[in-house]
N, C-alpha and C. Protein backbone atom coordinates (compact mmCIF):
# COMPACT_ATOMS: atom_id res chain seq x y z
N UNK A 1 75.96 96.63 70.39
CA UNK A 1 76.93 96.72 71.47
C UNK A 1 77.72 95.07 71.63
N UNK A 2 79.35 95.43 71.39
CA UNK A 2 80.11 94.27 71.89
C UNK A 2 79.56 93.55 73.15
N UNK A 3 79.76 92.23 73.10
CA UNK A 3 79.71 91.58 74.46
C UNK A 3 80.53 92.05 75.64
N UNK A 4 81.93 92.03 75.14
CA UNK A 4 82.85 92.42 76.30
C UNK A 4 83.48 93.92 75.45
N UNK A 5 84.12 94.61 76.46
CA UNK A 5 84.90 95.84 76.22
C UNK A 5 86.03 95.86 76.93
N UNK A 6 87.27 96.04 76.23
CA UNK A 6 88.29 96.08 77.05
C UNK A 6 88.67 97.70 76.84
N UNK A 7 89.11 98.09 77.64
CA UNK A 7 89.22 99.96 78.09
C UNK A 7 90.92 100.01 78.85
N UNK A 8 91.57 101.22 77.89
CA UNK A 8 92.65 101.72 78.22
C UNK A 8 92.59 102.72 78.93
N UNK A 9 92.67 103.12 80.37
CA UNK A 9 92.63 104.52 80.62
C UNK A 9 93.94 105.28 81.12
N UNK A 10 94.13 106.25 80.45
CA UNK A 10 95.33 106.99 80.75
C UNK A 10 95.15 108.37 81.47
N UNK A 11 96.04 108.83 82.54
CA UNK A 11 95.86 110.03 83.16
C UNK A 11 97.19 110.48 82.97
N UNK A 12 97.05 111.59 82.05
CA UNK A 12 98.10 112.20 81.38
C UNK A 12 99.11 113.16 82.57
N UNK A 13 100.23 112.97 82.51
CA UNK A 13 101.22 113.85 83.36
C UNK A 13 102.49 113.66 82.83
N UNK A 14 103.16 115.03 82.43
CA UNK A 14 104.50 115.30 82.18
C UNK A 14 105.69 114.45 82.67
N UNK A 15 105.41 114.57 84.13
CA UNK A 15 106.33 113.64 85.09
C UNK A 15 106.09 112.16 85.09
N UNK A 16 104.31 112.10 85.48
CA UNK A 16 104.09 110.62 85.65
C UNK A 16 102.88 110.41 84.85
N UNK A 17 102.66 109.44 83.96
CA UNK A 17 101.39 109.45 83.14
C UNK A 17 100.86 107.92 83.94
N UNK A 18 99.97 107.62 84.31
CA UNK A 18 99.20 106.46 84.78
C UNK A 18 98.45 106.11 83.60
N UNK A 19 98.59 104.37 83.63
CA UNK A 19 97.62 103.91 82.98
C UNK A 19 96.82 102.46 83.57
N UNK A 20 95.93 102.16 83.05
CA UNK A 20 95.38 101.22 83.66
C UNK A 20 94.22 100.53 82.66
N UNK A 21 94.45 99.20 82.22
CA UNK A 21 93.38 98.36 81.35
C UNK A 21 92.49 97.39 82.22
N UNK A 22 91.26 97.62 81.97
CA UNK A 22 90.39 96.66 82.56
C UNK A 22 89.45 96.17 81.09
N UNK A 23 88.68 94.97 81.37
CA UNK A 23 87.69 94.62 80.66
C UNK A 23 86.36 94.54 81.39
N UNK A 24 85.51 94.58 80.38
CA UNK A 24 84.09 94.77 81.09
C UNK A 24 83.12 93.69 80.37
N UNK A 25 82.68 92.59 81.00
CA UNK A 25 82.13 91.75 80.64
C UNK A 25 80.57 91.90 79.95
N UNK A 26 79.81 91.04 79.22
CA UNK A 26 78.45 91.01 79.15
C UNK A 26 77.41 91.43 80.26
N UNK A 27 77.94 90.95 81.40
CA UNK A 27 77.15 91.13 82.86
C UNK A 27 77.65 92.54 83.38
N UNK A 28 78.31 93.30 82.49
CA UNK A 28 79.09 94.68 82.97
C UNK A 28 79.71 94.40 84.29
N UNK A 29 80.26 93.24 84.52
CA UNK A 29 81.46 92.84 85.55
C UNK A 29 82.93 93.22 85.06
N UNK A 30 83.98 93.92 85.97
CA UNK A 30 84.92 94.55 85.44
C UNK A 30 86.04 93.52 85.96
N UNK A 31 87.22 93.30 85.14
CA UNK A 31 88.47 92.50 85.20
C UNK A 31 89.38 92.87 85.29
N UNK A 32 90.43 93.66 86.43
CA UNK A 32 91.65 94.09 85.91
C UNK A 32 92.30 93.44 85.03
N UNK A 33 93.35 94.17 84.24
CA UNK A 33 94.23 93.12 83.32
C UNK A 33 95.73 93.99 83.64
N UNK A 34 95.87 95.20 83.89
CA UNK A 34 97.31 95.84 83.94
C UNK A 34 97.17 96.99 84.60
N UNK A 35 98.00 97.56 85.32
CA UNK A 35 97.97 99.22 85.68
C UNK A 35 99.18 99.57 85.54
N UNK A 36 100.10 100.54 86.04
CA UNK A 36 101.22 101.13 85.98
C UNK A 36 101.35 102.57 85.76
N UNK A 37 102.69 102.74 85.28
CA UNK A 37 103.23 104.33 85.13
C UNK A 37 104.29 104.34 84.34
N UNK A 38 103.95 105.58 83.34
CA UNK A 38 104.88 106.14 82.34
C UNK A 38 105.83 107.19 83.22
N UNK A 39 107.12 106.76 83.41
CA UNK A 39 107.86 108.09 84.08
C UNK A 39 109.23 108.61 83.25
N UNK A 40 108.89 109.36 82.35
CA UNK A 40 109.97 109.66 81.59
C UNK A 40 111.08 110.23 82.56
N UNK A 41 112.18 110.38 82.30
CA UNK A 41 113.39 110.93 83.33
C UNK A 41 113.10 112.44 83.22
N UNK A 42 112.73 112.90 84.63
CA UNK A 42 112.70 114.45 84.76
C UNK A 42 113.70 115.22 83.93
N UNK A 43 114.95 115.00 83.91
CA UNK A 43 116.05 115.73 83.04
C UNK A 43 115.96 116.06 81.81
N UNK A 44 115.10 115.11 81.10
CA UNK A 44 114.81 115.46 79.72
C UNK A 44 113.76 116.58 79.42
N UNK A 45 114.09 117.09 78.16
CA UNK A 45 113.09 118.10 77.81
C UNK A 45 111.74 117.76 77.72
N UNK A 46 110.80 118.61 77.86
CA UNK A 46 109.70 118.22 77.59
C UNK A 46 109.16 117.68 76.25
N UNK A 47 109.58 117.92 75.22
CA UNK A 47 109.64 117.20 73.78
C UNK A 47 110.14 116.17 73.93
N UNK A 48 111.35 115.62 74.56
CA UNK A 48 111.55 114.57 75.05
C UNK A 48 111.08 113.41 75.42
N UNK A 49 110.42 114.00 76.95
CA UNK A 49 109.36 113.37 77.62
C UNK A 49 108.31 112.81 76.97
N UNK A 50 107.68 113.88 76.03
CA UNK A 50 106.34 113.73 75.22
C UNK A 50 106.63 112.32 74.35
N UNK A 51 107.82 112.25 73.78
CA UNK A 51 108.05 111.22 72.76
C UNK A 51 108.10 109.79 73.45
N UNK A 52 108.73 109.93 74.97
CA UNK A 52 108.57 108.69 75.50
C UNK A 52 106.95 108.05 75.73
N UNK A 53 106.28 109.20 76.40
CA UNK A 53 104.98 108.91 76.59
C UNK A 53 104.10 108.39 75.23
N UNK A 54 104.72 108.97 74.12
CA UNK A 54 104.02 108.78 72.83
C UNK A 54 104.41 107.18 72.64
N UNK A 55 105.36 106.87 72.76
CA UNK A 55 105.95 105.57 72.44
C UNK A 55 105.32 104.51 73.47
N UNK A 56 105.17 104.77 74.67
CA UNK A 56 104.73 104.03 75.62
C UNK A 56 102.98 103.45 75.50
N UNK A 57 102.52 104.91 75.23
CA UNK A 57 100.84 104.55 74.80
C UNK A 57 100.82 103.62 73.70
N UNK A 58 101.74 104.01 72.51
CA UNK A 58 101.41 103.21 71.38
C UNK A 58 101.63 101.83 71.64
N UNK A 59 102.93 101.35 72.51
CA UNK A 59 103.20 100.00 72.96
C UNK A 59 101.94 99.24 73.73
N UNK A 60 101.40 100.33 74.39
CA UNK A 60 100.23 99.86 75.40
C UNK A 60 99.16 99.48 74.41
N UNK A 61 99.00 100.18 73.67
CA UNK A 61 97.77 99.67 72.85
C UNK A 61 97.99 98.19 72.01
N UNK A 62 99.46 98.52 71.20
CA UNK A 62 99.85 97.22 70.64
C UNK A 62 99.69 95.87 71.36
N UNK A 63 99.82 96.20 72.80
CA UNK A 63 99.85 94.88 73.56
C UNK A 63 98.68 94.38 74.00
N UNK A 64 97.69 95.35 74.52
CA UNK A 64 96.74 95.16 75.08
C UNK A 64 95.22 95.05 74.08
N UNK A 65 95.43 96.21 72.47
CA UNK A 65 94.30 96.12 71.62
C UNK A 65 93.17 96.22 72.55
N UNK A 66 92.88 97.48 73.06
CA UNK A 66 91.62 98.00 74.15
C UNK A 66 90.83 98.21 72.44
N UNK A 67 89.25 98.26 73.12
CA UNK A 67 88.29 98.76 72.02
C UNK A 67 88.39 100.40 72.26
N UNK A 68 88.59 100.83 73.18
CA UNK A 68 88.84 102.52 73.33
C UNK A 68 90.02 103.29 74.06
N UNK A 69 90.19 104.22 73.95
CA UNK A 69 91.13 104.54 75.06
C UNK A 69 90.21 106.07 75.80
N UNK A 70 90.51 105.85 76.94
CA UNK A 70 89.89 106.93 78.00
C UNK A 70 91.09 107.94 78.59
N UNK A 71 91.02 108.95 78.42
CA UNK A 71 91.95 109.97 79.17
C UNK A 71 91.23 111.00 80.05
N UNK A 72 91.70 111.55 80.94
CA UNK A 72 91.29 112.52 81.49
C UNK A 72 91.50 113.93 80.91
N UNK A 73 90.39 114.46 80.97
CA UNK A 73 90.60 115.74 80.02
C UNK A 73 91.23 116.79 81.17
N UNK A 74 92.18 117.83 81.06
CA UNK A 74 93.11 118.61 81.97
C UNK A 74 91.75 119.93 82.08
N UNK A 75 92.02 120.09 83.07
CA UNK A 75 91.66 121.53 83.62
C UNK A 75 92.77 122.67 83.76
N UNK A 76 92.36 123.96 83.03
CA UNK A 76 93.44 125.02 83.29
C UNK A 76 93.18 125.67 84.31
N UNK A 77 94.31 125.84 85.23
CA UNK A 77 94.18 126.94 86.17
C UNK A 77 94.64 128.20 85.58
N UNK A 78 93.84 129.34 86.19
CA UNK A 78 94.48 130.52 85.50
C UNK A 78 95.88 131.18 86.39
N UNK A 79 95.95 130.45 87.46
CA UNK A 79 97.24 130.83 88.24
C UNK A 79 98.47 130.48 87.26
N UNK A 80 98.38 129.42 86.84
CA UNK A 80 99.67 129.08 86.45
C UNK A 80 99.55 128.55 85.02
N UNK A 81 99.19 129.35 83.81
CA UNK A 81 98.88 128.81 82.52
C UNK A 81 99.94 127.85 81.89
N UNK A 82 101.37 128.05 81.93
CA UNK A 82 102.58 127.49 81.54
C UNK A 82 101.92 126.10 82.15
N UNK A 83 101.57 125.61 83.16
CA UNK A 83 101.29 124.39 83.57
C UNK A 83 100.31 123.63 82.47
N UNK A 84 99.53 124.57 82.47
CA UNK A 84 98.06 124.10 81.75
C UNK A 84 98.56 123.50 80.33
N UNK A 85 99.11 124.82 79.71
CA UNK A 85 99.80 124.23 78.48
C UNK A 85 100.76 123.11 78.28
N UNK A 86 101.62 122.84 79.57
CA UNK A 86 102.50 121.50 79.31
C UNK A 86 101.28 120.28 79.49
N UNK A 87 100.47 120.13 80.48
CA UNK A 87 99.34 119.00 80.45
C UNK A 87 98.56 119.18 79.27
N UNK A 88 98.17 119.97 78.27
CA UNK A 88 97.49 120.07 77.37
C UNK A 88 98.43 119.22 76.25
N UNK A 89 99.62 119.40 76.01
CA UNK A 89 100.49 118.90 75.30
C UNK A 89 100.69 117.38 75.55
N UNK A 90 100.65 117.09 76.69
CA UNK A 90 100.72 115.66 77.24
C UNK A 90 99.45 114.78 76.82
N UNK A 91 98.23 115.81 77.13
CA UNK A 91 97.03 115.09 76.78
C UNK A 91 96.88 114.91 75.22
N UNK A 92 97.28 115.60 74.55
CA UNK A 92 97.41 115.22 72.95
C UNK A 92 98.19 114.04 72.60
N UNK A 93 99.25 114.22 73.29
CA UNK A 93 100.40 113.18 73.00
C UNK A 93 99.91 111.75 73.28
N UNK A 94 99.12 111.72 74.44
CA UNK A 94 98.49 110.48 74.76
C UNK A 94 97.81 109.76 73.96
N UNK A 95 96.79 110.82 73.21
CA UNK A 95 95.60 110.34 72.60
C UNK A 95 96.21 110.08 71.12
N UNK A 96 97.04 110.87 70.89
CA UNK A 96 97.73 110.64 69.25
C UNK A 96 97.93 109.25 68.72
N UNK A 97 98.63 108.50 69.40
CA UNK A 97 98.57 106.94 68.90
C UNK A 97 97.31 106.29 68.96
N UNK A 98 96.15 106.29 69.73
CA UNK A 98 95.12 106.04 69.55
C UNK A 98 93.94 106.30 68.21
N UNK A 99 94.25 107.78 67.89
CA UNK A 99 93.44 108.52 66.93
C UNK A 99 94.52 107.70 65.66
N UNK A 100 95.76 107.43 65.52
CA UNK A 100 96.73 107.22 64.36
C UNK A 100 95.73 105.57 64.28
N UNK A 101 95.63 104.95 65.32
CA UNK A 101 95.46 103.48 65.01
C UNK A 101 93.40 103.04 64.93
N UNK A 102 93.00 104.36 64.74
CA UNK A 102 91.55 104.59 64.62
C UNK A 102 90.94 103.92 65.83
N UNK A 103 91.15 104.31 67.18
CA UNK A 103 90.95 103.61 68.05
C UNK A 103 89.96 104.74 68.76
N UNK A 104 88.85 104.79 69.01
CA UNK A 104 87.79 105.72 69.36
C UNK A 104 88.52 106.10 70.87
N UNK A 105 88.46 107.66 70.86
CA UNK A 105 89.08 108.29 72.35
C UNK A 105 88.00 108.86 72.92
N UNK A 106 87.95 108.89 74.26
CA UNK A 106 87.20 109.48 75.29
C UNK A 106 88.01 110.32 76.26
N UNK A 107 87.29 111.74 76.54
CA UNK A 107 87.92 112.34 77.42
C UNK A 107 86.77 112.80 78.71
N UNK A 108 87.13 112.41 79.78
CA UNK A 108 86.40 112.63 80.97
C UNK A 108 86.78 113.94 82.03
N UNK A 109 86.06 114.81 82.56
CA UNK A 109 86.65 115.67 83.23
C UNK A 109 86.95 115.04 84.69
N UNK A 110 87.71 115.46 85.75
CA UNK A 110 87.90 114.67 86.62
C UNK A 110 86.37 114.43 87.51
N UNK A 111 86.00 115.49 87.69
CA UNK A 111 84.61 115.51 88.57
C UNK A 111 83.79 114.61 88.02
N UNK A 112 83.57 114.41 86.63
CA UNK A 112 82.87 113.11 86.21
C UNK A 112 83.07 111.71 86.59
N UNK A 113 84.40 111.75 86.62
CA UNK A 113 85.18 110.19 87.01
C UNK A 113 85.06 109.98 88.47
N UNK A 114 84.88 111.18 89.13
CA UNK A 114 84.82 110.89 90.71
C UNK A 114 83.32 110.64 90.91
N UNK A 115 82.28 111.06 89.99
CA UNK A 115 80.72 111.00 90.23
C UNK A 115 80.41 109.34 89.62
N UNK A 116 81.22 108.74 88.71
CA UNK A 116 80.73 107.56 88.34
C UNK A 116 81.67 106.47 89.18
N UNK A 117 82.60 107.26 89.81
CA UNK A 117 83.44 105.96 90.46
C UNK A 117 82.93 106.04 91.84
N UNK A 118 82.60 107.31 92.80
CA UNK A 118 82.47 107.27 93.85
C UNK A 118 81.12 107.24 94.36
N UNK A 119 80.61 108.23 93.76
CA UNK A 119 78.76 108.75 93.64
C UNK A 119 79.15 110.59 94.11
N UNK A 120 80.18 111.17 94.09
CA UNK A 120 80.09 112.56 94.10
C UNK A 120 81.57 113.11 93.49
N UNK A 121 81.30 114.30 92.73
CA UNK A 121 82.61 114.85 91.95
C UNK A 121 83.49 115.44 92.75
N UNK A 122 83.21 115.65 94.10
CA UNK A 122 84.57 116.28 94.97
C UNK A 122 84.99 115.21 95.74
N UNK A 123 84.92 113.96 95.37
CA UNK A 123 85.68 112.70 96.48
C UNK A 123 87.26 113.30 96.24
N UNK A 124 87.68 112.44 97.10
CA UNK A 124 89.52 112.46 97.62
C UNK A 124 89.51 111.51 97.05
N UNK A 125 91.16 111.81 96.68
CA UNK A 125 92.21 110.46 95.93
C UNK A 125 91.73 109.23 96.81
N UNK A 126 91.71 109.35 98.15
CA UNK A 126 91.59 108.13 98.74
C UNK A 126 90.35 107.29 98.74
N UNK A 127 89.05 107.93 98.49
CA UNK A 127 87.94 107.72 98.29
C UNK A 127 87.90 106.85 96.87
N UNK A 128 88.64 107.42 95.71
CA UNK A 128 88.34 107.06 94.38
C UNK A 128 89.32 105.75 94.72
N UNK A 129 90.71 105.86 95.10
CA UNK A 129 91.27 104.49 95.53
C UNK A 129 90.57 103.18 96.38
N UNK A 130 90.05 103.63 96.92
CA UNK A 130 89.31 102.55 97.63
C UNK A 130 87.98 101.82 96.75
N UNK A 131 87.22 102.84 95.99
CA UNK A 131 86.39 102.68 95.51
C UNK A 131 86.62 101.58 94.17
N UNK A 132 87.99 102.20 93.37
CA UNK A 132 88.37 101.24 92.27
C UNK A 132 88.79 99.94 93.03
N UNK A 133 89.35 100.04 93.90
CA UNK A 133 89.75 98.87 94.52
C UNK A 133 88.62 97.80 94.78
N UNK A 134 87.34 98.27 95.14
CA UNK A 134 86.32 97.61 95.51
C UNK A 134 85.95 97.19 94.16
N UNK A 135 85.38 97.95 93.19
CA UNK A 135 85.29 97.78 91.98
C UNK A 135 85.61 96.52 91.27
N UNK A 136 87.18 96.51 91.73
CA UNK A 136 88.29 95.81 90.50
C UNK A 136 88.64 94.37 91.53
N UNK A 137 88.01 94.53 92.64
CA UNK A 137 88.36 93.11 93.68
C UNK A 137 89.80 92.77 94.04
N UNK A 138 90.42 93.66 94.06
CA UNK A 138 92.04 93.71 94.29
C UNK A 138 92.65 94.55 95.56
N UNK A 139 93.89 94.16 95.71
CA UNK A 139 94.66 94.91 97.04
C UNK A 139 95.46 96.13 95.73
N UNK A 140 94.88 97.25 96.28
CA UNK A 140 95.89 98.24 95.39
C UNK A 140 96.91 99.07 96.32
N UNK A 141 97.06 98.47 97.33
CA UNK A 141 97.96 99.54 98.42
C UNK A 141 99.03 99.63 97.61
N UNK A 142 99.84 99.08 97.01
CA UNK A 142 101.23 99.21 96.47
C UNK A 142 100.85 99.88 94.78
N UNK A 143 99.68 100.30 94.43
CA UNK A 143 99.50 100.80 93.16
C UNK A 143 100.03 102.40 93.17
N UNK A 144 100.55 102.99 92.67
CA UNK A 144 100.50 104.49 92.43
C UNK A 144 99.35 105.10 92.38
N UNK A 145 99.21 106.51 92.65
CA UNK A 145 98.04 107.09 92.61
C UNK A 145 97.52 107.32 91.16
N UNK A 146 98.59 107.55 90.54
CA UNK A 146 98.45 107.87 88.69
C UNK A 146 97.96 106.64 88.14
N UNK A 147 98.35 105.30 88.43
CA UNK A 147 97.59 104.12 87.93
C UNK A 147 96.20 104.02 88.48
N UNK A 148 95.93 104.52 89.68
CA UNK A 148 94.46 104.21 90.17
C UNK A 148 93.43 105.17 89.40
N UNK A 149 94.32 106.23 89.41
CA UNK A 149 93.39 107.39 88.58
C UNK A 149 93.23 107.15 87.16
N UNK A 150 94.13 106.46 86.62
CA UNK A 150 93.92 105.67 85.42
C UNK A 150 92.77 104.49 85.35
N UNK A 151 92.95 103.70 86.27
CA UNK A 151 91.95 102.54 86.47
C UNK A 151 90.62 103.49 86.55
N UNK A 152 90.30 104.49 87.21
CA UNK A 152 88.98 104.84 87.57
C UNK A 152 88.53 105.63 86.46
N UNK A 153 89.25 105.99 85.45
CA UNK A 153 88.90 106.68 84.22
C UNK A 153 88.35 105.54 83.29
N UNK A 154 89.05 104.51 83.59
CA UNK A 154 88.51 102.98 82.44
C UNK A 154 87.19 102.50 83.10
N UNK A 155 87.02 102.57 84.47
CA UNK A 155 85.68 102.51 85.19
C UNK A 155 84.74 103.51 84.88
N UNK A 156 84.85 104.63 84.91
CA UNK A 156 83.93 105.62 84.72
C UNK A 156 83.48 105.29 83.10
N UNK A 157 84.30 104.88 82.28
CA UNK A 157 83.51 104.75 80.92
C UNK A 157 82.83 103.74 80.79
N UNK A 158 83.57 102.36 81.42
CA UNK A 158 82.70 101.25 81.57
C UNK A 158 81.61 101.08 82.43
N UNK A 159 81.32 102.03 83.25
CA UNK A 159 79.85 102.35 84.10
C UNK A 159 78.89 102.97 83.27
N UNK A 160 79.63 103.70 82.16
CA UNK A 160 78.08 104.47 81.79
C UNK A 160 77.62 103.66 80.36
N UNK A 161 76.39 103.86 79.83
CA UNK A 161 75.74 103.18 79.03
C UNK A 161 76.55 103.74 77.92
N UNK A 162 76.40 103.06 76.95
CA UNK A 162 77.09 103.16 75.39
C UNK A 162 76.26 104.74 74.81
N UNK A 163 75.11 105.10 75.01
CA UNK A 163 74.68 106.51 74.58
C UNK A 163 75.13 107.54 75.48
N UNK A 164 75.93 107.10 76.56
CA UNK A 164 76.09 108.08 77.44
C UNK A 164 77.62 108.69 77.00
N UNK A 165 78.25 108.18 76.17
CA UNK A 165 79.70 108.01 75.80
C UNK A 165 80.07 109.12 74.84
N UNK A 166 78.78 109.53 73.81
CA UNK A 166 78.87 110.40 72.78
C UNK A 166 79.35 111.65 73.10
N UNK A 167 79.08 112.18 74.56
CA UNK A 167 79.33 113.78 74.65
C UNK A 167 80.71 113.56 75.14
N UNK A 168 81.74 112.64 75.43
CA UNK A 168 82.97 112.68 75.68
C UNK A 168 83.87 112.18 74.83
N UNK A 169 83.08 111.93 73.31
CA UNK A 169 84.27 111.08 72.34
C UNK A 169 84.87 112.71 71.82
N UNK A 170 86.25 112.33 71.71
CA UNK A 170 87.08 113.52 70.98
C UNK A 170 87.16 113.06 69.58
């Protein structure tokens, strides 16, 4: 295993896609590197928004050179299958730049991320945000929830042992 691990977390969304980059050192301590949101204009078609998300993730991969990309696995609601299809497209678009660059991709369900970050799978967004703040030792008051969720994804991956990753590999 490498001594350090740089992780790019992506919380995919067609309107807002959060990202967070962290580094884990050999002592399993985390350092935040960057976080933010990709916000394609809502007036654009889904295809045009997906192109912007693809290009932005590609740029993040080039800028930060992460060892892995971690995304949130979408959950499909039977109530609105069209939303599920849209989210599934964004999920695929967010993974594609890493796949093309031969960077390993892992997908975690929301409950697993909450369990790894907070200790319970039904944690609230506020609890997740507070635990991300504590683990990364910085003030997150101004950080959007989508970026916090992306950082939580990265922390989830970083908190697991390497042998546990394989079941989440895409």
